[in-house]
Amino acid sequence: MMIAAWVGVLLLLTWVFEAEIARQFNPNPEPQGRVASDGALEVVLERNAQGHYVAGGTINGQPVEFLLDTGATHVAVPRALAERLGLPKLGTGLSRTANGVVETWSSRLDRVALGPIELRDVRASVLPGLLGEDQVLLGMSFLKRLELMQRGNTLTLRQPLSP
């Protein structure tokens, strides 16, 4: 009986610490938005323990984890995820990454959503061996269509009303 109790305590502690570690890596698993006084949509993200902005979102309605990267020209999708999403191959090429030169293909994403901010027809690059299987670099092909404001440990993404 004592062994079963200790096993139960260890399982509970493992569950609690796994959740805390996950929260430290991605403090924004389901980002919430708000409507500003001028009608623009805003999402406020908290920086993670490593100093990055990581958040849950969707591509074509499928859940993914975004790592915001203003140094990435396009949204960068891992090959395995691109294949699961059925992304079209619109052309091939080579990209210079931190891991060297890799073969890529270009694609278009019908819908990319971060909280209530949803953009359509977003350019993407598909790369092999990119981060995690479901982690996407949210690059400038998405971010350039928004206003970004960083203060302290938060980043506000703002989608102005269309003219």
Protein backbone atom coordinates (compact mmCIF):
# COMPACT_ATOMS: atom_id res chain seq x y z
CA MET A 1 0.00 0.00 0.00
CA MET A 2 2.87 2.36 0.85
CA ILE A 3 4.51 1.72 -2.55
CA ALA A 4 1.24 2.50 -4.35
CA ALA A 5 0.94 5.77 -2.42
CA TRP A 6 4.50 6.81 -3.37
CA VAL A 7 3.89 5.89 -7.00
CA GLY A 8 0.73 8.01 -6.93
CA VAL A 9 2.61 10.96 -5.42
CA LEU A 10 5.38 10.66 -8.01
CA LEU A 11 2.85 10.53 -10.86
CA LEU A 12 1.07 13.60 -9.51
CA LEU A 13 4.34 15.53 -9.17
CA THR A 14 5.37 14.52 -12.69
CA TRP A 15 2.05 15.76 -14.07
CA VAL A 16 2.32 19.10 -12.19
CA PHE A 17 5.91 19.74 -13.27
CA GLU A 18 5.29 18.75 -16.90
CA ALA A 19 2.47 21.29 -17.06
CA GLU A 20 4.71 23.96 -15.52
CA ILE A 21 7.58 23.24 -17.92
CA ALA A 22 5.18 23.39 -20.88
CA ARG A 23 3.80 26.71 -19.60
CA GLN A 24 7.30 28.14 -19.26
CA PHE A 25 8.07 27.24 -22.89
CA ASN A 26 4.68 28.38 -24.23
CA PRO A 27 2.95 30.84 -21.91
CA ASN A 28 0.37 31.54 -24.66
CA PRO A 29 -1.13 28.15 -25.60
CA GLU A 30 -4.50 29.71 -26.47
CA PRO A 31 -3.96 33.45 -26.97
CA GLN A 32 -6.98 35.60 -26.33
CA GLY A 33 -7.71 38.77 -28.21
CA ARG A 34 -9.55 41.96 -27.70
CA VAL A 35 -11.10 44.65 -29.81
CA ALA A 36 -9.42 48.04 -29.37
CA SER A 37 -11.43 51.23 -29.13
CA ASP A 38 -10.81 51.90 -32.85
CA GLY A 39 -12.10 48.42 -33.78
CA ALA A 40 -8.68 46.85 -34.46
CA LEU A 41 -8.06 43.30 -33.23
CA GLU A 42 -5.25 42.89 -30.70
CA VAL A 43 -3.47 39.88 -29.22
CA VAL A 44 -1.04 40.30 -26.32
CA LEU A 45 1.63 37.62 -25.93
CA GLU A 46 3.85 36.97 -22.94
CA ARG A 47 7.55 36.24 -23.52
CA ASN A 48 8.68 32.76 -22.45
CA ALA A 49 11.55 31.94 -20.06
CA GLN A 50 14.02 31.82 -22.98
CA GLY A 51 12.97 35.30 -24.18
CA HIS A 52 10.91 34.12 -27.18
CA TYR A 53 7.29 34.65 -28.08
CA VAL A 54 5.62 31.27 -28.51
CA ALA A 55 1.87 30.86 -28.97
CA GLY A 56 -0.75 28.40 -30.07
CA GLY A 57 -2.54 29.06 -33.34
CA THR A 58 -3.88 27.37 -36.43
CA ILE A 59 -2.97 26.86 -40.07
CA ASN A 60 -5.95 26.03 -42.27
CA GLY A 61 -7.89 25.23 -39.09
CA GLN A 62 -5.30 22.75 -37.75
CA PRO A 63 -3.63 23.50 -34.39
CA VAL A 64 0.07 24.39 -34.41
CA GLU A 65 2.56 26.09 -32.15
CA PHE A 66 4.06 29.33 -33.48
CA LEU A 67 7.48 30.73 -32.64
CA LEU A 68 7.43 34.37 -33.75
CA ASP A 69 10.49 35.11 -35.87
CA THR A 70 10.94 38.54 -37.42
CA GLY A 71 14.13 37.23 -39.04
CA ALA A 72 12.20 34.70 -41.13
CA THR A 73 11.05 36.03 -44.49
CA HIS A 74 8.06 33.68 -44.69
CA VAL A 75 6.09 31.46 -42.40
CA ALA A 76 8.33 28.38 -42.16
CA VAL A 77 6.56 25.03 -41.85
CA PRO A 78 8.26 21.70 -41.05
CA ARG A 79 7.99 19.21 -43.92
CA ALA A 80 6.08 16.58 -41.89
CA LEU A 81 3.45 19.13 -40.86
CA ALA A 82 3.19 20.50 -44.42
CA GLU A 83 2.53 17.01 -45.71
CA ARG A 84 -0.13 16.38 -43.03
CA LEU A 85 -1.80 19.70 -43.93
CA GLY A 86 -1.66 18.84 -47.64
CA LEU A 87 0.12 22.09 -48.52
CA PRO A 88 0.69 22.57 -52.24
CA LYS A 89 4.21 22.60 -53.69
CA LEU A 90 4.48 25.81 -55.68
CA GLY A 91 8.17 25.65 -56.46
CA THR A 92 11.43 24.40 -55.03
CA GLY A 93 14.54 26.20 -53.96
CA LEU A 94 17.37 26.43 -51.47
CA SER A 95 17.32 28.33 -48.19
CA ARG A 96 20.19 29.32 -45.95
CA THR A 97 19.36 28.39 -42.34
CA ALA A 98 21.29 28.19 -39.10
CA ASN A 99 21.91 24.53 -40.00
CA GLY A 100 23.27 25.35 -43.44
CA VAL A 101 21.69 25.30 -46.89
CA VAL A 102 18.58 23.13 -47.22
CA GLU A 103 16.19 22.28 -50.03
CA THR A 104 12.77 23.88 -49.58
CA TRP A 105 9.53 24.35 -51.40
CA SER A 106 7.26 27.36 -51.43
CA SER A 107 3.57 27.18 -50.60
CA ARG A 108 0.53 29.28 -49.74
CA LEU A 109 -1.49 28.96 -46.55
CA ASP A 110 -5.22 29.56 -46.96
CA ARG A 111 -5.71 30.73 -43.34
CA VAL A 112 -3.29 31.49 -40.52
CA ALA A 113 -4.80 32.39 -37.14
CA LEU A 114 -3.29 33.65 -33.91
CA GLY A 115 -6.11 34.15 -31.44
CA PRO A 116 -8.80 36.20 -33.22
CA ILE A 117 -6.34 37.54 -35.82
CA GLU A 118 -6.76 35.53 -39.00
CA LEU A 119 -4.98 36.28 -42.25
CA ARG A 120 -5.63 34.63 -45.58
CA ASP A 121 -3.33 33.70 -48.45
CA VAL A 122 -0.06 33.78 -46.50
CA ARG A 123 3.17 32.82 -48.24
CA ALA A 124 5.12 29.94 -46.66
CA SER A 125 8.32 27.96 -47.03
CA VAL A 126 8.48 24.28 -46.20
CA LEU A 127 11.74 23.09 -44.65
CA PRO A 128 13.01 19.70 -43.51
CA GLY A 129 14.14 19.22 -39.91
CA LEU A 130 12.61 22.43 -38.62
CA LEU A 131 12.23 22.64 -34.82
CA GLY A 132 9.45 20.35 -33.61
CA GLU A 133 7.04 18.50 -35.84
CA ASP A 134 4.20 20.95 -35.12
CA GLN A 135 6.21 24.12 -34.39
CA VAL A 136 6.06 26.77 -37.09
CA LEU A 137 8.21 29.88 -37.45
CA LEU A 138 5.73 32.73 -37.80
CA GLY A 139 7.72 34.92 -40.15
CA MET A 140 7.28 38.24 -41.86
CA SER A 141 4.84 37.06 -44.56
CA PHE A 142 2.35 37.04 -41.65
CA LEU A 143 3.81 39.61 -39.25
CA LYS A 144 4.30 42.41 -41.83
CA ARG A 145 0.52 42.67 -42.15
CA LEU A 146 0.24 43.58 -38.45
CA GLU A 147 1.45 46.30 -36.13
CA LEU A 148 3.82 45.04 -33.42
CA MET A 149 4.59 46.77 -30.14
CA GLN A 150 6.88 45.29 -27.50
CA ARG A 151 6.87 46.53 -23.92
CA GLY A 152 8.71 44.71 -21.16
CA ASN A 153 7.82 41.03 -21.41
CA THR A 154 4.81 41.44 -23.68
CA LEU A 155 4.30 41.80 -27.40
CA THR A 156 1.07 43.26 -28.76
CA LEU A 157 0.07 42.24 -32.27
CA ARG A 158 -2.54 44.50 -33.78
CA GLN A 159 -4.57 43.98 -36.93
CA PRO A 160 -5.81 47.40 -38.05
CA LEU A 161 -9.14 47.74 -39.75
CA SER A 162 -8.93 47.51 -43.54
CA PRO A 163 -9.43 50.86 -45.27
